[in-house]
Amino acid sequence: MGDPWPFHPSPIIAENASYFGSTMNTSQMDSFGSWLRQERERRRIMLEDISISTKIRIRFLEAMEQDHLDQLPGGIIGCGFVRAYANYIGIDGEDTVAAYLATRGPSSPGLKSL
């Protein structure tokens, strides 16, 4: 598996760089959402297909890709949405959830214990 995190890290991501390993390339993407969208588009997968298969509303999928992570449900539900999206498009769900948690930051209720 190539370089899994090609987006510029926020200060929170930089503090949690262990989530991303030593191969994080920050020169290609601006954000977590941009990276997700690029991975989906590279595989020619439509948001509607993800929504139908995972039962996640398109507005939540769009929120992920537009970096409006505060619009996702909190706690394990939001993590489950990210994991399902990642698994559907064929990227590692657990690593993607770790990136989501690092990107979203500790201010999100219910995420510290995951």
PDB file of N, CA and C in Angstrom:
ATOM      1  N   MET A   1       0.847  -1.168   0.000  1.00  0.00           N
ATOM      2  CA  MET A   1       0.000   0.000   0.000  1.00  0.00           C
ATOM      3  C   MET A   1       0.892   1.230   0.000  1.00  0.00           C
ATOM      4  N   GLY A   2       0.669   2.174  -0.893  1.00  0.00           N
ATOM      5  CA  GLY A   2       1.523   3.335  -1.057  1.00  0.00           C
ATOM      6  C   GLY A   2       1.435   4.288   0.110  1.00  0.00           C
ATOM      7  N   ASP A   3       1.611   5.537  -0.204  1.00  0.00           N
ATOM      8  CA  ASP A   3       1.590   6.587   0.788  1.00  0.00           C
ATOM      9  C   ASP A   3       0.140   6.916   1.147  1.00  0.00           C
ATOM     10  N   PRO A   4      -0.344   6.506   2.317  1.00  0.00           N
ATOM     11  CA  PRO A   4      -1.770   6.604   2.598  1.00  0.00           C
ATOM     12  C   PRO A   4      -2.271   7.985   2.990  1.00  0.00           C
ATOM     13  N   TRP A   5      -1.422   8.945   3.317  1.00  0.00           N
ATOM     14  CA  TRP A   5      -1.921  10.214   3.846  1.00  0.00           C
ATOM     15  C   TRP A   5      -1.331  11.414   3.126  1.00  0.00           C
ATOM     16  N   PRO A   6      -1.680  11.630   1.871  1.00  0.00           N
ATOM     17  CA  PRO A   6      -1.076  12.733   1.114  1.00  0.00           C
ATOM     18  C   PRO A   6      -1.807  14.058   1.274  1.00  0.00           C
ATOM     19  N   PHE A   7      -1.966  14.528   2.499  1.00  0.00           N
ATOM     20  CA  PHE A   7      -2.567  15.847   2.703  1.00  0.00           C
ATOM     21  C   PHE A   7      -1.782  16.591   3.753  1.00  0.00           C
ATOM     22  N   HIS A   8      -1.904  17.922   3.733  1.00  0.00           N
ATOM     23  CA  HIS A   8      -1.176  18.753   4.681  1.00  0.00           C
ATOM     24  C   HIS A   8      -1.752  18.581   6.071  1.00  0.00           C
ATOM     25  N   PRO A   9      -0.911  18.258   7.031  1.00  0.00           N
ATOM     26  CA  PRO A   9      -1.426  18.044   8.380  1.00  0.00           C
ATOM     27  C   PRO A   9      -1.771  19.340   9.089  1.00  0.00           C
ATOM     28  N   SER A  10      -2.845  19.294   9.838  1.00  0.00           N
ATOM     29  CA  SER A  10      -3.174  20.404  10.727  1.00  0.00           C
ATOM     30  C   SER A  10      -2.271  20.280  11.946  1.00  0.00           C
ATOM     31  N   PRO A  11      -2.258  21.282  12.828  1.00  0.00           N
ATOM     32  CA  PRO A  11      -1.459  21.135  14.052  1.00  0.00           C
ATOM     33  C   PRO A  11      -1.839  19.894  14.847  1.00  0.00           C
ATOM     34  N   ILE A  12      -3.122  19.533  14.854  1.00  0.00           N
ATOM     35  CA  ILE A  12      -3.560  18.343  15.593  1.00  0.00           C
ATOM     36  C   ILE A  12      -2.972  17.096  14.951  1.00  0.00           C
ATOM     37  N   ILE A  13      -2.967  17.044  13.631  1.00  0.00           N
ATOM     38  CA  ILE A  13      -2.401  15.884  12.948  1.00  0.00           C
ATOM     39  C   ILE A  13      -0.910  15.801  13.233  1.00  0.00           C
ATOM     40  N   ALA A  14      -0.228  16.940  13.189  1.00  0.00           N
ATOM     41  CA  ALA A  14       1.205  16.934  13.451  1.00  0.00           C
ATOM     42  C   ALA A  14       1.501  16.395  14.848  1.00  0.00           C
ATOM     43  N   GLU A  15       0.669  16.755  15.824  1.00  0.00           N
ATOM     44  CA  GLU A  15       0.856  16.263  17.182  1.00  0.00           C
ATOM     45  C   GLU A  15       0.610  14.761  17.275  1.00  0.00           C
ATOM     46  N   ASN A  16      -0.221  14.233  16.382  1.00  0.00           N
ATOM     47  CA  ASN A  16      -0.583  12.823  16.401  1.00  0.00           C
ATOM     48  C   ASN A  16      -0.002  12.091  15.202  1.00  0.00           C
ATOM     49  N   ALA A  17       1.204  12.457  14.797  1.00  0.00           N
ATOM     50  CA  ALA A  17       1.795  11.908  13.585  1.00  0.00           C
ATOM     51  C   ALA A  17       1.970  10.392  13.652  1.00  0.00           C
ATOM     52  N   SER A  18       1.978   9.833  14.842  1.00  0.00           N
ATOM     53  CA  SER A  18       2.107   8.380  14.938  1.00  0.00           C
ATOM     54  C   SER A  18       0.941   7.666  14.271  1.00  0.00           C
ATOM     55  N   TYR A  19      -0.212   8.335  14.154  1.00  0.00           N
ATOM     56  CA  TYR A  19      -1.343   7.742  13.445  1.00  0.00           C
ATOM     57  C   TYR A  19      -0.995   7.466  11.991  1.00  0.00           C
ATOM     58  N   PHE A  20      -0.126   8.295  11.439  1.00  0.00           N
ATOM     59  CA  PHE A  20       0.095   8.278  10.004  1.00  0.00           C
ATOM     60  C   PHE A  20       1.359   7.552   9.587  1.00  0.00           C
ATOM     61  N   GLY A  21       2.207   7.214  10.517  1.00  0.00           N
ATOM     62  CA  GLY A  21       3.434   6.523  10.161  1.00  0.00           C
ATOM     63  C   GLY A  21       4.445   7.479   9.559  1.00  0.00           C
ATOM     64  N   SER A  22       5.575   6.933   9.166  1.00  0.00           N
ATOM     65  CA  SER A  22       6.661   7.773   8.676  1.00  0.00           C
ATOM     66  C   SER A  22       6.553   8.087   7.198  1.00  0.00           C
ATOM     67  N   THR A  23       5.564   7.537   6.497  1.00  0.00           N
ATOM     68  CA  THR A  23       5.477   7.745   5.055  1.00  0.00           C
ATOM     69  C   THR A  23       4.473   8.821   4.677  1.00  0.00           C
ATOM     70  N   MET A  24       4.008   9.600   5.625  1.00  0.00           N
ATOM     71  CA  MET A  24       3.013  10.615   5.313  1.00  0.00           C
ATOM     72  C   MET A  24       3.602  11.656   4.374  1.00  0.00           C
ATOM     73  N   ASN A  25       2.990  11.837   3.203  1.00  0.00           N
ATOM     74  CA  ASN A  25       3.421  12.808   2.214  1.00  0.00           C
ATOM     75  C   ASN A  25       2.469  13.990   2.283  1.00  0.00           C
ATOM     76  N   THR A  26       2.971  15.139   2.668  1.00  0.00           N
ATOM     77  CA  THR A  26       2.106  16.294   2.866  1.00  0.00           C
ATOM     78  C   THR A  26       2.095  17.235   1.671  1.00  0.00           C
ATOM     79  N   SER A  27       2.685  16.865   0.567  1.00  0.00           N
ATOM     80  CA  SER A  27       2.804  17.796  -0.546  1.00  0.00           C
ATOM     81  C   SER A  27       1.690  17.688  -1.573  1.00  0.00           C
ATOM     82  N   GLN A  28       0.833  16.691  -1.505  1.00  0.00           N
ATOM     83  CA  GLN A  28      -0.115  16.449  -2.579  1.00  0.00           C
ATOM     84  C   GLN A  28      -1.531  16.917  -2.295  1.00  0.00           C
ATOM     85  N   MET A  29      -1.990  16.906  -1.087  1.00  0.00           N
ATOM     86  CA  MET A  29      -3.370  17.232  -0.774  1.00  0.00           C
ATOM     87  C   MET A  29      -3.413  18.281   0.326  1.00  0.00           C
ATOM     88  N   ASP A  30      -4.515  19.004   0.361  1.00  0.00           N
ATOM     89  CA  ASP A  30      -4.684  20.042   1.362  1.00  0.00           C
ATOM     90  C   ASP A  30      -5.370  19.547   2.621  1.00  0.00           C
ATOM     91  N   SER A  31      -6.142  18.466   2.533  1.00  0.00           N
ATOM     92  CA  SER A  31      -6.948  18.091   3.684  1.00  0.00           C
ATOM     93  C   SER A  31      -7.355  16.623   3.638  1.00  0.00           C
ATOM     94  N   PHE A  32      -7.870  16.183   4.762  1.00  0.00           N
ATOM     95  CA  PHE A  32      -8.408  14.841   4.893  1.00  0.00           C
ATOM     96  C   PHE A  32      -9.531  14.610   3.877  1.00  0.00           C
ATOM     97  N   GLY A  33     -10.474  15.545   3.805  1.00  0.00           N
ATOM     98  CA  GLY A  33     -11.599  15.417   2.884  1.00  0.00           C
ATOM     99  C   GLY A  33     -11.171  15.383   1.429  1.00  0.00           C
ATOM    100  N   SER A  34     -10.205  16.230   1.076  1.00  0.00           N
ATOM    101  CA  SER A  34      -9.689  16.231  -0.297  1.00  0.00           C
ATOM    102  C   SER A  34      -9.061  14.892  -0.642  1.00  0.00           C
ATOM    103  N   TRP A  35      -8.351  14.333   0.325  1.00  0.00           N
ATOM    104  CA  TRP A  35      -7.727  13.025   0.103  1.00  0.00           C
ATOM    105  C   TRP A  35      -8.790  11.946  -0.112  1.00  0.00           C
ATOM    106  N   LEU A  36      -9.834  11.956   0.727  1.00  0.00           N
ATOM    107  CA  LEU A  36     -10.915  10.976   0.559  1.00  0.00           C
ATOM    108  C   LEU A  36     -11.551  11.096  -0.824  1.00  0.00           C
ATOM    109  N   ARG A  37     -11.871  12.333  -1.214  1.00  0.00           N
ATOM    110  CA  ARG A  37     -12.509  12.556  -2.509  1.00  0.00           C
ATOM    111  C   ARG A  37     -11.612  12.078  -3.653  1.00  0.00           C
ATOM    112  N   GLN A  38     -10.312  12.397  -3.573  1.00  0.00           N
ATOM    113  CA  GLN A  38      -9.381  11.967  -4.620  1.00  0.00           C
ATOM    114  C   GLN A  38      -9.334  10.446  -4.712  1.00  0.00           C
ATOM    115  N   GLU A  39      -9.269   9.771  -3.583  1.00  0.00           N
ATOM    116  CA  GLU A  39      -9.229   8.309  -3.589  1.00  0.00           C
ATOM    117  C   GLU A  39     -10.504   7.727  -4.201  1.00  0.00           C
ATOM    118  N   ARG A  40     -11.652   8.311  -3.860  1.00  0.00           N
ATOM    119  CA  ARG A  40     -12.924   7.839  -4.421  1.00  0.00           C
ATOM    120  C   ARG A  40     -12.982   8.085  -5.926  1.00  0.00           C
ATOM    121  N   GLU A  41     -12.630   9.270  -6.337  1.00  0.00           N
ATOM    122  CA  GLU A  41     -12.695   9.607  -7.756  1.00  0.00           C
ATOM    123  C   GLU A  41     -11.702   8.788  -8.577  1.00  0.00           C
ATOM    124  N   ARG A  42     -10.532   8.522  -8.005  1.00  0.00           N
ATOM    125  CA  ARG A  42      -9.527   7.706  -8.701  1.00  0.00           C
ATOM    126  C   ARG A  42     -10.069   6.312  -9.002  1.00  0.00           C
ATOM    127  N   ARG A  43     -10.946   5.842  -8.141  1.00  0.00           N
ATOM    128  CA  ARG A  43     -11.548   4.513  -8.319  1.00  0.00           C
ATOM    129  C   ARG A  43     -12.870   4.584  -9.094  1.00  0.00           C
ATOM    130  N   ARG A  44     -13.253   5.793  -9.484  1.00  0.00           N
ATOM    131  CA  ARG A  44     -14.486   6.032 -10.252  1.00  0.00           C
ATOM    132  C   ARG A  44     -15.727   5.512  -9.528  1.00  0.00           C
ATOM    133  N   ILE A  45     -15.792   5.847  -8.263  1.00  0.00           N
ATOM    134  CA  ILE A  45     -16.932   5.458  -7.427  1.00  0.00           C
ATOM    135  C   ILE A  45     -17.768   6.702  -7.169  1.00  0.00           C
ATOM    136  N   MET A  46     -19.056   6.577  -7.317  1.00  0.00           N
ATOM    137  CA  MET A  46     -19.983   7.684  -7.086  1.00  0.00           C
ATOM    138  C   MET A  46     -20.428   7.706  -5.622  1.00  0.00           C
ATOM    139  N   LEU A  47     -20.649   8.911  -5.095  1.00  0.00           N
ATOM    140  CA  LEU A  47     -21.159   9.027  -3.728  1.00  0.00           C
ATOM    141  C   LEU A  47     -22.476   8.280  -3.568  1.00  0.00           C
ATOM    142  N   GLU A  48     -23.302   8.299  -4.600  1.00  0.00           N
ATOM    143  CA  GLU A  48     -24.589   7.606  -4.533  1.00  0.00           C
ATOM    144  C   GLU A  48     -24.399   6.109  -4.300  1.00  0.00           C
ATOM    145  N   ASP A  49     -23.375   5.528  -4.925  1.00  0.00           N
ATOM    146  CA  ASP A  49     -23.096   4.102  -4.740  1.00  0.00           C
ATOM    147  C   ASP A  49     -22.697   3.804  -3.295  1.00  0.00           C
ATOM    148  N   ILE A  50     -21.870   4.669  -2.734  1.00  0.00           N
ATOM    149  CA  ILE A  50     -21.462   4.492  -1.338  1.00  0.00           C
ATOM    150  C   ILE A  50     -22.685   4.615  -0.433  1.00  0.00           C
ATOM    151  N   SER A  51     -23.508   5.606  -0.702  1.00  0.00           N
ATOM    152  CA  SER A  51     -24.695   5.835   0.113  1.00  0.00           C
ATOM    153  C   SER A  51     -25.653   4.646   0.081  1.00  0.00           C
ATOM    154  N   ILE A  52     -25.890   4.122  -1.103  1.00  0.00           N
ATOM    155  CA  ILE A  52     -26.803   2.979  -1.244  1.00  0.00           C
ATOM    156  C   ILE A  52     -26.264   1.764  -0.495  1.00  0.00           C
ATOM    157  N   SER A  53     -24.981   1.504  -0.651  1.00  0.00           N
ATOM    158  CA  SER A  53     -24.397   0.309  -0.043  1.00  0.00           C
ATOM    159  C   SER A  53     -24.251   0.429   1.479  1.00  0.00           C
ATOM    160  N   THR A  54     -23.839   1.600   1.946  1.00  0.00           N
ATOM    161  CA  THR A  54     -23.552   1.764   3.374  1.00  0.00           C
ATOM    162  C   THR A  54     -24.727   2.308   4.176  1.00  0.00           C
ATOM    163  N   LYS A  55     -25.755   2.804   3.467  1.00  0.00           N
ATOM    164  CA  LYS A  55     -26.920   3.432   4.113  1.00  0.00           C
ATOM    165  C   LYS A  55     -26.561   4.739   4.823  1.00  0.00           C
ATOM    166  N   ILE A  56     -25.467   5.377   4.397  1.00  0.00           N
ATOM    167  CA  ILE A  56     -25.061   6.674   4.939  1.00  0.00           C
ATOM    168  C   ILE A  56     -25.610   7.742   4.000  1.00  0.00           C
ATOM    169  N   ARG A  57     -26.290   8.720   4.552  1.00  0.00           N
ATOM    170  CA  ARG A  57     -26.857   9.787   3.729  1.00  0.00           C
ATOM    171  C   ARG A  57     -25.757  10.541   2.982  1.00  0.00           C
ATOM    172  N   ILE A  58     -26.088  10.945   1.769  1.00  0.00           N
ATOM    173  CA  ILE A  58     -25.119  11.654   0.931  1.00  0.00           C
ATOM    174  C   ILE A  58     -24.621  12.925   1.619  1.00  0.00           C
ATOM    175  N   ARG A  59     -25.463  13.590   2.373  1.00  0.00           N
ATOM    176  CA  ARG A  59     -25.022  14.827   3.032  1.00  0.00           C
ATOM    177  C   ARG A  59     -23.862  14.559   3.995  1.00  0.00           C
ATOM    178  N   PHE A  60     -23.829  13.391   4.624  1.00  0.00           N
ATOM    179  CA  PHE A  60     -22.711  13.051   5.507  1.00  0.00           C
ATOM    180  C   PHE A  60     -21.462  12.708   4.694  1.00  0.00           C
ATOM    181  N   LEU A  61     -21.646  12.005   3.587  1.00  0.00           N
ATOM    182  CA  LEU A  61     -20.509  11.691   2.728  1.00  0.00           C
ATOM    183  C   LEU A  61     -19.895  12.967   2.160  1.00  0.00           C
ATOM    184  N   GLU A  62     -20.752  13.882   1.744  1.00  0.00           N
ATOM    185  CA  GLU A  62     -20.267  15.172   1.243  1.00  0.00           C
ATOM    186  C   GLU A  62     -19.570  15.956   2.343  1.00  0.00           C
ATOM    187  N   ALA A  63     -20.098  15.909   3.547  1.00  0.00           N
ATOM    188  CA  ALA A  63     -19.469  16.601   4.675  1.00  0.00           C
ATOM    189  C   ALA A  63     -18.056  16.070   4.905  1.00  0.00           C
ATOM    190  N   MET A  64     -17.871  14.762   4.800  1.00  0.00           N
ATOM    191  CA  MET A  64     -16.532  14.183   4.948  1.00  0.00           C
ATOM    192  C   MET A  64     -15.586  14.746   3.902  1.00  0.00           C
ATOM    193  N   GLU A  65     -16.024  14.735   2.648  1.00  0.00           N
ATOM    194  CA  GLU A  65     -15.158  15.167   1.555  1.00  0.00           C
ATOM    195  C   GLU A  65     -14.918  16.675   1.538  1.00  0.00           C
ATOM    196  N   GLN A  66     -15.781  17.436   2.175  1.00  0.00           N
ATOM    197  CA  GLN A  66     -15.643  18.893   2.217  1.00  0.00           C
ATOM    198  C   GLN A  66     -15.041  19.372   3.533  1.00  0.00           C
ATOM    199  N   ASP A  67     -14.551  18.430   4.331  1.00  0.00           N
ATOM    200  CA  ASP A  67     -13.922  18.738   5.621  1.00  0.00           C
ATOM    201  C   ASP A  67     -14.858  19.420   6.606  1.00  0.00           C
ATOM    202  N   HIS A  68     -16.135  19.125   6.507  1.00  0.00           N
ATOM    203  CA  HIS A  68     -17.102  19.619   7.484  1.00  0.00           C
ATOM    204  C   HIS A  68     -17.357  18.492   8.493  1.00  0.00           C
ATOM    205  N   LEU A  69     -16.289  18.077   9.139  1.00  0.00           N
ATOM    206  CA  LEU A  69     -16.355  16.924  10.025  1.00  0.00           C
ATOM    207  C   LEU A  69     -17.245  17.182  11.230  1.00  0.00           C
ATOM    208  N   ASP A  70     -17.457  18.449  11.552  1.00  0.00           N
ATOM    209  CA  ASP A  70     -18.345  18.788  12.658  1.00  0.00           C
ATOM    210  C   ASP A  70     -19.805  18.477  12.327  1.00  0.00           C
ATOM    211  N   GLN A  71     -20.114  18.222  11.052  1.00  0.00           N
ATOM    212  CA  GLN A  71     -21.479  17.881  10.652  1.00  0.00           C
ATOM    213  C   GLN A  71     -21.759  16.379  10.742  1.00  0.00           C
ATOM    214  N   LEU A  72     -20.726  15.604  11.029  1.00  0.00           N
ATOM    215  CA  LEU A  72     -20.914  14.159  11.211  1.00  0.00           C
ATOM    216  C   LEU A  72     -21.395  13.890  12.630  1.00  0.00           C
ATOM    217  N   PRO A  73     -22.117  12.795  12.815  1.00  0.00           N
ATOM    218  CA  PRO A  73     -22.482  12.419  14.183  1.00  0.00           C
ATOM    219  C   PRO A  73     -21.216  12.192  15.013  1.00  0.00           C
ATOM    220  N   GLY A  74     -21.320  12.405  16.284  1.00  0.00           N
ATOM    221  CA  GLY A  74     -20.169  12.223  17.155  1.00  0.00           C
ATOM    222  C   GLY A  74     -19.935  10.766  17.518  1.00  0.00           C
ATOM    223  N   GLY A  75     -18.849  10.563  18.222  1.00  0.00           N
ATOM    224  CA  GLY A  75     -18.532   9.248  18.781  1.00  0.00           C
ATOM    225  C   GLY A  75     -18.373   8.142  17.764  1.00  0.00           C
ATOM    226  N   ILE A  76     -18.832   6.968  18.145  1.00  0.00           N
ATOM    227  CA  ILE A  76     -18.610   5.794  17.308  1.00  0.00           C
ATOM    228  C   ILE A  76     -19.423   5.823  16.015  1.00  0.00           C
ATOM    229  N   ILE A  77     -20.503   6.601  15.980  1.00  0.00           N
ATOM    230  CA  ILE A  77     -21.300   6.684  14.749  1.00  0.00           C
ATOM    231  C   ILE A  77     -20.488   7.387  13.660  1.00  0.00           C
ATOM    232  N   GLY A  78     -19.901   8.517  13.981  1.00  0.00           N
ATOM    233  CA  GLY A  78     -19.066   9.235  13.017  1.00  0.00           C
ATOM    234  C   GLY A  78     -17.886   8.393  12.570  1.00  0.00           C
ATOM    235  N   CYS A  79     -17.255   7.713  13.517  1.00  0.00           N
ATOM    236  CA  CYS A  79     -16.140   6.820  13.173  1.00  0.00           C
ATOM    237  C   CYS A  79     -16.616   5.695  12.261  1.00  0.00           C
ATOM    238  N   GLY A  80     -17.795   5.184  12.530  1.00  0.00           N
ATOM    239  CA  GLY A  80     -18.359   4.130  11.687  1.00  0.00           C
ATOM    240  C   GLY A  80     -18.634   4.606  10.281  1.00  0.00           C
ATOM    241  N   PHE A  81     -19.096   5.845  10.140  1.00  0.00           N
ATOM    242  CA  PHE A  81     -19.319   6.411   8.807  1.00  0.00           C
ATOM    243  C   PHE A  81     -18.011   6.478   8.035  1.00  0.00           C
ATOM    244  N   VAL A  82     -16.967   6.982   8.686  1.00  0.00           N
ATOM    245  CA  VAL A  82     -15.661   7.109   8.031  1.00  0.00           C
ATOM    246  C   VAL A  82     -15.123   5.732   7.655  1.00  0.00           C
ATOM    247  N   ARG A  83     -15.226   4.774   8.559  1.00  0.00           N
ATOM    248  CA  ARG A  83     -14.743   3.418   8.306  1.00  0.00           C
ATOM    249  C   ARG A  83     -15.493   2.771   7.140  1.00  0.00           C
ATOM    250  N   ALA A  84     -16.818   2.922   7.115  1.00  0.00           N
ATOM    251  CA  ALA A  84     -17.619   2.337   6.041  1.00  0.00           C
ATOM    252  C   ALA A  84     -17.270   2.960   4.692  1.00  0.00           C
ATOM    253  N   TYR A  85     -17.112   4.270   4.658  1.00  0.00           N
ATOM    254  CA  TYR A  85     -16.705   4.967   3.434  1.00  0.00           C
ATOM    255  C   TYR A  85     -15.376   4.411   2.944  1.00  0.00           C
ATOM    256  N   ALA A  86     -14.390   4.378   3.841  1.00  0.00           N
ATOM    257  CA  ALA A  86     -13.050   3.905   3.479  1.00  0.00           C
ATOM    258  C   ALA A  86     -13.086   2.468   2.973  1.00  0.00           C
ATOM    259  N   ASN A  87     -13.743   1.601   3.710  1.00  0.00           N
ATOM    260  CA  ASN A  87     -13.808   0.195   3.303  1.00  0.00           C
ATOM    261  C   ASN A  87     -14.499   0.047   1.948  1.00  0.00           C
ATOM    262  N   TYR A  88     -15.542   0.817   1.705  1.00  0.00           N
ATOM    263  CA  TYR A  88     -16.259   0.716   0.436  1.00  0.00           C
ATOM    264  C   TYR A  88     -15.361   1.088  -0.738  1.00  0.00           C
ATOM    265  N   ILE A  89     -14.550   2.146  -0.572  1.00  0.00           N
ATOM    266  CA  ILE A  89     -13.705   2.554  -1.701  1.00  0.00           C
ATOM    267  C   ILE A  89     -12.396   1.777  -1.766  1.00  0.00           C
ATOM    268  N   GLY A  90     -12.160   0.910  -0.787  1.00  0.00           N
ATOM    269  CA  GLY A  90     -10.998   0.029  -0.858  1.00  0.00           C
ATOM    270  C   GLY A  90      -9.740   0.548  -0.195  1.00  0.00           C
ATOM    271  N   ILE A  91      -9.895   1.427   0.792  1.00  0.00           N
ATOM    272  CA  ILE A  91      -8.732   1.858   1.572  1.00  0.00           C
ATOM    273  C   ILE A  91      -8.907   1.361   2.997  1.00  0.00           C
ATOM    274  N   ASP A  92      -7.838   1.337   3.750  1.00  0.00           N
ATOM    275  CA  ASP A  92      -7.871   0.779   5.095  1.00  0.00           C
ATOM    276  C   ASP A  92      -8.772   1.591   6.017  1.00  0.00           C
ATOM    277  N   GLY A  93      -9.814   0.973   6.514  1.00  0.00           N
ATOM    278  CA  GLY A  93     -10.781   1.642   7.372  1.00  0.00           C
ATOM    279  C   GLY A  93     -10.215   2.095   8.701  1.00  0.00           C
ATOM    280  N   GLU A  94      -9.410   1.264   9.318  1.00  0.00           N
ATOM    281  CA  GLU A  94      -8.860   1.605  10.638  1.00  0.00           C
ATOM    282  C   GLU A  94      -7.889   2.775  10.542  1.00  0.00           C
ATOM    283  N   ASP A  95      -7.022   2.766   9.533  1.00  0.00           N
ATOM    284  CA  ASP A  95      -6.092   3.876   9.356  1.00  0.00           C
ATOM    285  C   ASP A  95      -6.840   5.162   9.026  1.00  0.00           C
ATOM    286  N   THR A  96      -7.896   5.047   8.248  1.00  0.00           N
ATOM    287  CA  THR A  96      -8.677   6.225   7.886  1.00  0.00           C
ATOM    288  C   THR A  96      -9.396   6.793   9.104  1.00  0.00           C
ATOM    289  N   VAL A  97      -9.906   5.935   9.968  1.00  0.00           N
ATOM    290  CA  VAL A  97     -10.535   6.414  11.211  1.00  0.00           C
ATOM    291  C   VAL A  97      -9.496   7.108  12.088  1.00  0.00           C
ATOM    292  N   ALA A  98      -8.296   6.561  12.165  1.00  0.00           N
ATOM    293  CA  ALA A  98      -7.238   7.204  12.951  1.00  0.00           C
ATOM    294  C   ALA A  98      -6.938   8.597  12.402  1.00  0.00           C
ATOM    295  N   ALA A  99      -6.893   8.731  11.084  1.00  0.00           N
ATOM    296  CA  ALA A  99      -6.659  10.040  10.471  1.00  0.00           C
ATOM    297  C   ALA A  99      -7.821  10.984  10.757  1.00  0.00           C
ATOM    298  N   TYR A 100      -9.027  10.458  10.678  1.00  0.00           N
ATOM    299  CA  TYR A 100     -10.233  11.250  10.990  1.00  0.00           C
ATOM    300  C   TYR A 100     -10.175  11.771  12.417  1.00  0.00           C
ATOM    301  N   LEU A 101      -9.854  10.912  13.352  1.00  0.00           N
ATOM    302  CA  LEU A 101      -9.793  11.322  14.756  1.00  0.00           C
ATOM    303  C   LEU A 101      -8.716  12.375  14.971  1.00  0.00           C
ATOM    304  N   ALA A 102      -7.574  12.205  14.334  1.00  0.00           N
ATOM    305  CA  ALA A 102      -6.496  13.178  14.466  1.00  0.00           C
ATOM    306  C   ALA A 102      -6.874  14.500  13.811  1.00  0.00           C
ATOM    307  N   THR A 103      -7.584  14.432  12.697  1.00  0.00           N
ATOM    308  CA  THR A 103      -7.999  15.638  11.987  1.00  0.00           C
ATOM    309  C   THR A 103      -9.094  16.369  12.737  1.00  0.00           C
ATOM    310  N   ARG A 104     -10.066  15.607  13.221  1.00  0.00           N
ATOM    311  CA  ARG A 104     -11.209  16.215  13.910  1.00  0.00           C
ATOM    312  C   ARG A 104     -10.785  16.821  15.235  1.00  0.00           C
ATOM    313  N   GLY A 105      -9.850  16.193  15.897  1.00  0.00           N
ATOM    314  CA  GLY A 105      -9.305  16.752  17.123  1.00  0.00           C
ATOM    315  C   GLY A 105     -10.013  16.300  18.380  1.00  0.00           C
ATOM    316  N   PRO A 106      -9.392  16.574  19.519  1.00  0.00           N
ATOM    317  CA  PRO A 106      -9.909  16.102  20.800  1.00  0.00           C
ATOM    318  C   PRO A 106     -11.137  16.861  21.298  1.00  0.00           C
ATOM    319  N   SER A 107     -11.532  17.936  20.629  1.00  0.00           N
ATOM    320  CA  SER A 107     -12.675  18.697  21.113  1.00  0.00           C
ATOM    321  C   SER A 107     -14.006  18.011  20.831  1.00  0.00           C
ATOM    322  N   SER A 108     -13.960  16.923  20.058  1.00  0.00           N
ATOM    323  CA  SER A 108     -15.186  16.215  19.709  1.00  0.00           C
ATOM    324  C   SER A 108     -15.620  15.318  20.854  1.00  0.00           C
ATOM    325  N   PRO A 109     -16.846  15.460  21.324  1.00  0.00           N
ATOM    326  CA  PRO A 109     -17.298  14.638  22.455  1.00  0.00           C
ATOM    327  C   PRO A 109     -17.353  13.164  22.098  1.00  0.00           C
ATOM    328  N   GLY A 110     -16.915  12.341  23.012  1.00  0.00           N
ATOM    329  CA  GLY A 110     -17.044  10.908  22.844  1.00  0.00           C
ATOM    330  C   GLY A 110     -15.972  10.261  21.996  1.00  0.00           C
ATOM    331  N   LEU A 111     -14.971  11.013  21.537  1.00  0.00           N
ATOM    332  CA  LEU A 111     -13.973  10.426  20.660  1.00  0.00           C
ATOM    333  C   LEU A 111     -12.689  10.053  21.381  1.00  0.00           C
ATOM    334  N   LYS A 112     -12.457  10.581  22.550  1.00  0.00           N
ATOM    335  CA  LYS A 112     -11.205  10.324  23.242  1.00  0.00           C
ATOM    336  C   LYS A 112     -11.050   8.864  23.631  1.00  0.00           C
ATOM    337  N   SER A 113     -12.111   8.189  23.923  1.00  0.00           N
ATOM    338  CA  SER A 113     -12.012   6.831  24.437  1.00  0.00           C
ATOM    339  C   SER A 113     -11.864   5.779  23.339  1.00  0.00           C
ATOM    340  N   LEU A 114     -11.982   6.176  22.063  1.00  0.00           N
ATOM    341  CA  LEU A 114     -11.898   5.184  20.973  1.00  0.00           C
ATOM    342  C   LEU A 114     -10.490   4.799  20.670  1.00  0.00           C
TER     343      LEU A 114
END
